[in-house]
């Protein structure tokens, strides 16, 4: 027992340090993506800014493109964290969780958003099998989260069972990807924005009673 107790604290410290390093790596990458874009950014740039060694970075990712995929996934996970917190706090309501999802939608229209820049960067390299696989995983994770949120609302009784979770989730993902692309292209005079997207979500998830 004493050996386990002695080994427990160092292990916890190592795990904490590892999580802190991962968070620093991710936040540094996002900041530099906003500043420099993705194409000319190097792992050495990230090492210099973060204080992590380049060898240390390779403990977490195998390549720059893998790190870019990590930035994409983190944007989804952050929304999911806010959603889960809202469901825990607000109980069986539609408004609280929906508010947390809607709060992240304007980011889809931000040309400086790191995830938007990364998405376009990886799209431009999708002829590389490893990059294409990262994009496929991102699309799959997006669908998974979207379906999970709808299913949670149906379980709580705030979204009707008549809502087709598969089709509705995929529609939401397709619109979100289109908004990311448009943000980077800089298209002007757009008639459909994040506010319209939020309104569409509410109408589809809470259709009026017949």
C-alpha atoms as a PDB file:
ATOM      1  CA  UNK A   1       0.000   0.000   0.000  1.00  0.00           C
ATOM      2  CA  UNK A   2       2.780   2.424   0.943  1.00  0.00           C
ATOM      3  CA  UNK A   3       4.527   1.833  -2.394  1.00  0.00           C
ATOM      4  CA  UNK A   4       1.342   2.662  -4.248  1.00  0.00           C
ATOM      5  CA  UNK A   5       0.882   5.827  -2.228  1.00  0.00           C
ATOM      6  CA  UNK A   6       4.465   6.845  -2.888  1.00  0.00           C
ATOM      7  CA  UNK A   7       4.089   6.238  -6.605  1.00  0.00           C
ATOM      8  CA  UNK A   8       0.713   7.944  -6.845  1.00  0.00           C
ATOM      9  CA  UNK A   9       1.773  11.553  -6.358  1.00  0.00           C
ATOM     10  CA  UNK A  10       4.619  11.557  -8.907  1.00  0.00           C
ATOM     11  CA  UNK A  11       2.301   9.938 -11.422  1.00  0.00           C
ATOM     12  CA  UNK A  12      -0.372  12.567 -10.819  1.00  0.00           C
ATOM     13  CA  UNK A  13       2.225  15.299 -11.170  1.00  0.00           C
ATOM     14  CA  UNK A  14       3.414  13.832 -14.475  1.00  0.00           C
ATOM     15  CA  UNK A  15      -0.146  13.612 -15.766  1.00  0.00           C
ATOM     16  CA  UNK A  16      -0.858  17.181 -14.685  1.00  0.00           C
ATOM     17  CA  UNK A  17       2.315  18.426 -16.347  1.00  0.00           C
ATOM     18  CA  UNK A  18       1.423  16.515 -19.494  1.00  0.00           C
ATOM     19  CA  UNK A  19      -2.047  18.091 -19.615  1.00  0.00           C
ATOM     20  CA  UNK A  20      -0.565  21.538 -19.030  1.00  0.00           C
ATOM     21  CA  UNK A  21       1.920  21.013 -21.867  1.00  0.00           C
ATOM     22  CA  UNK A  22      -0.817  19.799 -24.203  1.00  0.00           C
ATOM     23  CA  UNK A  23      -2.946  22.836 -23.376  1.00  0.00           C
ATOM     24  CA  UNK A  24       0.010  25.186 -23.916  1.00  0.00           C
ATOM     25  CA  UNK A  25       0.781  23.513 -27.246  1.00  0.00           C
ATOM     26  CA  UNK A  26      -2.806  23.849 -28.415  1.00  0.00           C
ATOM     27  CA  UNK A  27      -3.271  27.448 -27.291  1.00  0.00           C
ATOM     28  CA  UNK A  28       0.053  28.485 -28.825  1.00  0.00           C
ATOM     29  CA  UNK A  29      -0.840  26.828 -32.118  1.00  0.00           C
ATOM     30  CA  UNK A  30      -4.210  28.607 -32.209  1.00  0.00           C
ATOM     31  CA  UNK A  31      -2.640  31.995 -31.469  1.00  0.00           C
ATOM     32  CA  UNK A  32       0.000  31.583 -34.174  1.00  0.00           C
ATOM     33  CA  UNK A  33      -2.570  30.358 -36.690  1.00  0.00           C
ATOM     34  CA  UNK A  34      -4.538  33.557 -36.120  1.00  0.00           C
ATOM     35  CA  UNK A  35      -1.377  35.615 -36.519  1.00  0.00           C
ATOM     36  CA  UNK A  36       0.392  33.848 -39.387  1.00  0.00           C
ATOM     37  CA  UNK A  37      -2.099  31.510 -40.986  1.00  0.00           C
ATOM     38  CA  UNK A  38      -1.391  27.815 -41.469  1.00  0.00           C
ATOM     39  CA  UNK A  39       0.781  27.532 -44.571  1.00  0.00           C
ATOM     40  CA  UNK A  40       3.915  29.260 -43.300  1.00  0.00           C
ATOM     41  CA  UNK A  41       3.549  28.184 -39.673  1.00  0.00           C
ATOM     42  CA  UNK A  42       6.151  25.656 -38.535  1.00  0.00           C
ATOM     43  CA  UNK A  43       6.499  23.435 -35.500  1.00  0.00           C
ATOM     44  CA  UNK A  44       9.661  25.372 -34.721  1.00  0.00           C
ATOM     45  CA  UNK A  45       7.576  28.569 -34.518  1.00  0.00           C
ATOM     46  CA  UNK A  46       5.300  26.845 -32.022  1.00  0.00           C
ATOM     47  CA  UNK A  47       8.261  25.514 -30.026  1.00  0.00           C
ATOM     48  CA  UNK A  48       9.838  28.973 -29.850  1.00  0.00           C
ATOM     49  CA  UNK A  49       6.616  30.637 -28.688  1.00  0.00           C
ATOM     50  CA  UNK A  50       5.467  27.957 -26.257  1.00  0.00           C
ATOM     51  CA  UNK A  51       8.803  27.186 -24.646  1.00  0.00           C
ATOM     52  CA  UNK A  52       8.340  23.504 -25.445  1.00  0.00           C
ATOM     53  CA  UNK A  53      11.128  21.729 -27.257  1.00  0.00           C
ATOM     54  CA  UNK A  54      10.460  20.513 -30.779  1.00  0.00           C
ATOM     55  CA  UNK A  55      11.182  17.008 -29.541  1.00  0.00           C
ATOM     56  CA  UNK A  56       8.669  17.567 -26.761  1.00  0.00           C
ATOM     57  CA  UNK A  57       6.007  18.516 -29.306  1.00  0.00           C
ATOM     58  CA  UNK A  58       6.581  15.201 -31.072  1.00  0.00           C
ATOM     59  CA  UNK A  59       5.468  13.459 -27.881  1.00  0.00           C
ATOM     60  CA  UNK A  60       1.953  14.701 -28.664  1.00  0.00           C
ATOM     61  CA  UNK A  61       1.754  14.925 -32.453  1.00  0.00           C
ATOM     62  CA  UNK A  62       3.652  13.347 -35.338  1.00  0.00           C
ATOM     63  CA  UNK A  63       3.384  16.289 -37.700  1.00  0.00           C
ATOM     64  CA  UNK A  64       2.132  19.821 -38.182  1.00  0.00           C
ATOM     65  CA  UNK A  65      -0.914  18.518 -40.042  1.00  0.00           C
ATOM     66  CA  UNK A  66      -1.822  16.265 -37.129  1.00  0.00           C
ATOM     67  CA  UNK A  67      -1.648  19.296 -34.839  1.00  0.00           C
ATOM     68  CA  UNK A  68      -3.930  21.175 -37.237  1.00  0.00           C
ATOM     69  CA  UNK A  69      -6.451  18.346 -36.929  1.00  0.00           C
ATOM     70  CA  UNK A  70      -6.213  18.614 -33.166  1.00  0.00           C
ATOM     71  CA  UNK A  71      -7.170  22.307 -33.368  1.00  0.00           C
ATOM     72  CA  UNK A  72     -10.267  21.343 -35.375  1.00  0.00           C
ATOM     73  CA  UNK A  73     -11.333  18.672 -32.890  1.00  0.00           C
ATOM     74  CA  UNK A  74     -10.821  20.980 -29.940  1.00  0.00           C
ATOM     75  CA  UNK A  75     -13.326  23.472 -31.363  1.00  0.00           C
ATOM     76  CA  UNK A  76     -15.967  20.737 -31.293  1.00  0.00           C
ATOM     77  CA  UNK A  77     -15.003  19.536 -27.841  1.00  0.00           C
ATOM     78  CA  UNK A  78     -15.251  23.046 -26.411  1.00  0.00           C
ATOM     79  CA  UNK A  79     -18.837  23.396 -27.646  1.00  0.00           C
ATOM     80  CA  UNK A  80     -19.638  19.959 -26.243  1.00  0.00           C
ATOM     81  CA  UNK A  81     -18.218  20.946 -22.835  1.00  0.00           C
ATOM     82  CA  UNK A  82     -20.446  24.027 -22.749  1.00  0.00           C
ATOM     83  CA  UNK A  83     -23.449  21.957 -23.848  1.00  0.00           C
ATOM     84  CA  UNK A  84     -22.874  19.292 -21.181  1.00  0.00           C
ATOM     85  CA  UNK A  85     -22.469  21.937 -18.480  1.00  0.00           C
ATOM     86  CA  UNK A  86     -25.712  23.614 -19.544  1.00  0.00           C
ATOM     87  CA  UNK A  87     -27.633  20.321 -19.466  1.00  0.00           C
ATOM     88  CA  UNK A  88     -26.321  19.651 -15.953  1.00  0.00           C
ATOM     89  CA  UNK A  89     -27.267  23.112 -14.709  1.00  0.00           C
ATOM     90  CA  UNK A  90     -30.567  23.715 -16.499  1.00  0.00           C
ATOM     91  CA  UNK A  91     -32.017  20.232 -16.317  1.00  0.00           C
ATOM     92  CA  UNK A  92     -34.665  19.306 -18.819  1.00  0.00           C
ATOM     93  CA  UNK A  93     -34.832  22.574 -20.769  1.00  0.00           C
ATOM     94  CA  UNK A  94     -34.245  23.438 -24.398  1.00  0.00           C
ATOM     95  CA  UNK A  95     -33.163  27.054 -23.940  1.00  0.00           C
ATOM     96  CA  UNK A  96     -29.988  26.580 -21.872  1.00  0.00           C
ATOM     97  CA  UNK A  97     -28.210  23.967 -24.015  1.00  0.00           C
ATOM     98  CA  UNK A  98     -29.400  25.647 -27.232  1.00  0.00           C
ATOM     99  CA  UNK A  99     -28.013  28.953 -25.989  1.00  0.00           C
ATOM    100  CA  UNK A 100     -24.576  27.378 -25.526  1.00  0.00           C
ATOM    101  CA  UNK A 101     -24.598  25.917 -29.039  1.00  0.00           C
ATOM    102  CA  UNK A 102     -25.779  29.207 -30.537  1.00  0.00           C
ATOM    103  CA  UNK A 103     -23.038  31.097 -28.667  1.00  0.00           C
ATOM    104  CA  UNK A 104     -20.380  29.346 -30.743  1.00  0.00           C
ATOM    105  CA  UNK A 105     -22.037  29.841 -34.130  1.00  0.00           C
ATOM    106  CA  UNK A 106     -20.613  33.345 -34.809  1.00  0.00           C
ATOM    107  CA  UNK A 107     -17.140  31.774 -34.764  1.00  0.00           C
ATOM    108  CA  UNK A 108     -18.101  29.996 -37.988  1.00  0.00           C
ATOM    109  CA  UNK A 109     -18.206  33.405 -39.688  1.00  0.00           C
ATOM    110  CA  UNK A 110     -14.935  34.714 -38.250  1.00  0.00           C
ATOM    111  CA  UNK A 111     -12.170  34.694 -40.903  1.00  0.00           C
ATOM    112  CA  UNK A 112      -9.546  34.844 -38.144  1.00  0.00           C
ATOM    113  CA  UNK A 113     -10.935  31.877 -36.233  1.00  0.00           C
ATOM    114  CA  UNK A 114      -8.197  29.251 -35.978  1.00  0.00           C
ATOM    115  CA  UNK A 115     -10.516  26.323 -36.730  1.00  0.00           C
ATOM    116  CA  UNK A 116     -11.830  28.007 -39.884  1.00  0.00           C
ATOM    117  CA  UNK A 117      -8.312  28.624 -41.144  1.00  0.00           C
ATOM    118  CA  UNK A 118      -7.264  25.088 -40.359  1.00  0.00           C
ATOM    119  CA  UNK A 119     -10.288  23.617 -42.121  1.00  0.00           C
ATOM    120  CA  UNK A 120      -9.498  25.461 -45.341  1.00  0.00           C
ATOM    121  CA  UNK A 121      -5.789  24.619 -45.052  1.00  0.00           C
ATOM    122  CA  UNK A 122      -6.506  20.910 -44.703  1.00  0.00           C
ATOM    123  CA  UNK A 123      -9.052  20.990 -47.524  1.00  0.00           C
ATOM    124  CA  UNK A 124      -6.303  22.275 -49.774  1.00  0.00           C
ATOM    125  CA  UNK A 125      -4.216  19.208 -48.915  1.00  0.00           C
ATOM    126  CA  UNK A 126      -6.963  16.578 -49.030  1.00  0.00           C
ATOM    127  CA  UNK A 127      -5.187  14.704 -51.822  1.00  0.00           C
ATOM    128  CA  UNK A 128      -2.770  13.528 -49.110  1.00  0.00           C
ATOM    129  CA  UNK A 129      -4.295  10.363 -47.573  1.00  0.00           C
ATOM    130  CA  UNK A 130      -3.362  11.257 -43.982  1.00  0.00           C
ATOM    131  CA  UNK A 131      -4.914  14.704 -44.290  1.00  0.00           C
ATOM    132  CA  UNK A 132      -8.040  13.351 -45.974  1.00  0.00           C
ATOM    133  CA  UNK A 133      -8.418  10.905 -43.096  1.00  0.00           C
ATOM    134  CA  UNK A 134      -8.180  13.760 -40.591  1.00  0.00           C
ATOM    135  CA  UNK A 135     -10.945  15.602 -42.406  1.00  0.00           C
ATOM    136  CA  UNK A 136     -13.066  12.470 -42.475  1.00  0.00           C
ATOM    137  CA  UNK A 137     -12.607  12.049 -38.739  1.00  0.00           C
ATOM    138  CA  UNK A 138     -13.516  15.682 -38.145  1.00  0.00           C
ATOM    139  CA  UNK A 139     -16.676  15.278 -40.202  1.00  0.00           C
ATOM    140  CA  UNK A 140     -17.513  12.080 -38.333  1.00  0.00           C
ATOM    141  CA  UNK A 141     -16.938  13.709 -34.947  1.00  0.00           C
ATOM    142  CA  UNK A 142     -19.074  16.684 -35.976  1.00  0.00           C
ATOM    143  CA  UNK A 143     -21.928  14.342 -36.874  1.00  0.00           C
ATOM    144  CA  UNK A 144     -21.458  12.383 -33.675  1.00  0.00           C
ATOM    145  CA  UNK A 145     -21.661  15.463 -31.462  1.00  0.00           C
ATOM    146  CA  UNK A 146     -24.623  16.895 -33.364  1.00  0.00           C
ATOM    147  CA  UNK A 147     -26.583  13.636 -33.092  1.00  0.00           C
ATOM    148  CA  UNK A 148     -25.688  13.336 -29.414  1.00  0.00           C
ATOM    149  CA  UNK A 149     -27.033  16.806 -28.657  1.00  0.00           C
ATOM    150  CA  UNK A 150     -30.302  16.098 -30.471  1.00  0.00           C
ATOM    151  CA  UNK A 151     -30.662  12.707 -28.788  1.00  0.00           C
ATOM    152  CA  UNK A 152     -30.060  14.305 -25.383  1.00  0.00           C
ATOM    153  CA  UNK A 153     -32.870  16.764 -26.065  1.00  0.00           C
ATOM    154  CA  UNK A 154     -35.177  13.933 -27.121  1.00  0.00           C
ATOM    155  CA  UNK A 155     -34.323  11.942 -23.994  1.00  0.00           C
ATOM    156  CA  UNK A 156     -35.085  15.019 -21.881  1.00  0.00           C
ATOM    157  CA  UNK A 157     -38.417  15.462 -23.636  1.00  0.00           C
ATOM    158  CA  UNK A 158     -37.621  18.926 -25.026  1.00  0.00           C
ATOM    159  CA  UNK A 159     -37.102  17.809 -28.650  1.00  0.00           C
ATOM    160  CA  UNK A 160     -39.868  15.735 -30.262  1.00  0.00           C
ATOM    161  CA  UNK A 161     -39.108  12.123 -31.140  1.00  0.00           C
ATOM    162  CA  UNK A 162     -40.495  12.923 -34.592  1.00  0.00           C
ATOM    163  CA  UNK A 163     -37.324  14.891 -35.380  1.00  0.00           C
ATOM    164  CA  UNK A 164     -35.054  12.749 -37.556  1.00  0.00           C
ATOM    165  CA  UNK A 165     -31.799  13.009 -35.608  1.00  0.00           C
ATOM    166  CA  UNK A 166     -29.620  11.610 -38.410  1.00  0.00           C
ATOM    167  CA  UNK A 167     -30.857  13.918 -41.160  1.00  0.00           C
ATOM    168  CA  UNK A 168     -31.117  16.985 -38.927  1.00  0.00           C
ATOM    169  CA  UNK A 169     -27.644  16.486 -37.481  1.00  0.00           C
ATOM    170  CA  UNK A 170     -26.126  16.111 -40.933  1.00  0.00           C
ATOM    171  CA  UNK A 171     -27.903  19.233 -42.190  1.00  0.00           C
ATOM    172  CA  UNK A 172     -26.478  21.228 -39.279  1.00  0.00           C
ATOM    173  CA  UNK A 173     -22.958  19.921 -39.957  1.00  0.00           C
ATOM    174  CA  UNK A 174     -23.174  20.738 -43.671  1.00  0.00           C
ATOM    175  CA  UNK A 175     -24.320  24.293 -42.944  1.00  0.00           C
ATOM    176  CA  UNK A 176     -21.554  24.786 -40.375  1.00  0.00           C
ATOM    177  CA  UNK A 177     -18.901  23.649 -42.854  1.00  0.00           C
ATOM    178  CA  UNK A 178     -20.294  25.963 -45.523  1.00  0.00           C
ATOM    179  CA  UNK A 179     -20.144  28.907 -43.111  1.00  0.00           C
ATOM    180  CA  UNK A 180     -16.503  28.074 -42.320  1.00  0.00           C
ATOM    181  CA  UNK A 181     -15.628  28.092 -46.010  1.00  0.00           C
ATOM    182  CA  UNK A 182     -17.471  31.342 -46.665  1.00  0.00           C
ATOM    183  CA  UNK A 183     -15.757  33.061 -43.732  1.00  0.00           C
ATOM    184  CA  UNK A 184     -12.317  32.451 -45.227  1.00  0.00           C
ATOM    185  CA  UNK A 185     -13.405  33.338 -48.769  1.00  0.00           C
ATOM    186  CA  UNK A 186     -14.562  36.748 -47.557  1.00  0.00           C
ATOM    187  CA  UNK A 187     -17.852  36.693 -49.484  1.00  0.00           C
ATOM    188  CA  UNK A 188     -19.876  39.887 -49.035  1.00  0.00           C
ATOM    189  CA  UNK A 189     -23.591  40.550 -49.006  1.00  0.00           C
ATOM    190  CA  UNK A 190     -24.488  37.215 -47.426  1.00  0.00           C
ATOM    191  CA  UNK A 191     -28.176  36.711 -46.721  1.00  0.00           C
ATOM    192  CA  UNK A 192     -27.780  33.765 -44.304  1.00  0.00           C
ATOM    193  CA  UNK A 193     -25.688  34.151 -41.173  1.00  0.00           C
ATOM    194  CA  UNK A 194     -25.096  32.550 -37.803  1.00  0.00           C
ATOM    195  CA  UNK A 195     -28.205  34.169 -36.348  1.00  0.00           C
ATOM    196  CA  UNK A 196     -30.310  32.671 -39.126  1.00  0.00           C
ATOM    197  CA  UNK A 197     -28.632  29.325 -38.483  1.00  0.00           C
ATOM    198  CA  UNK A 198     -29.570  29.464 -34.809  1.00  0.00           C
ATOM    199  CA  UNK A 199     -33.178  30.319 -35.726  1.00  0.00           C
ATOM    200  CA  UNK A 200     -33.294  27.440 -38.202  1.00  0.00           C
ATOM    201  CA  UNK A 201     -32.017  25.065 -35.532  1.00  0.00           C
ATOM    202  CA  UNK A 202     -34.753  26.115 -33.149  1.00  0.00           C
ATOM    203  CA  UNK A 203     -37.486  25.768 -35.780  1.00  0.00           C
ATOM    204  CA  UNK A 204     -36.332  22.292 -36.812  1.00  0.00           C
ATOM    205  CA  UNK A 205     -35.766  21.032 -33.280  1.00  0.00           C
ATOM    206  CA  UNK A 206     -38.963  22.462 -31.822  1.00  0.00           C
ATOM    207  CA  UNK A 207     -41.518  22.369 -34.619  1.00  0.00           C
ATOM    208  CA  UNK A 208     -44.952  23.834 -33.773  1.00  0.00           C
ATOM    209  CA  UNK A 209     -47.565  21.417 -32.569  1.00  0.00           C
ATOM    210  CA  UNK A 210     -49.983  20.389 -35.343  1.00  0.00           C
END
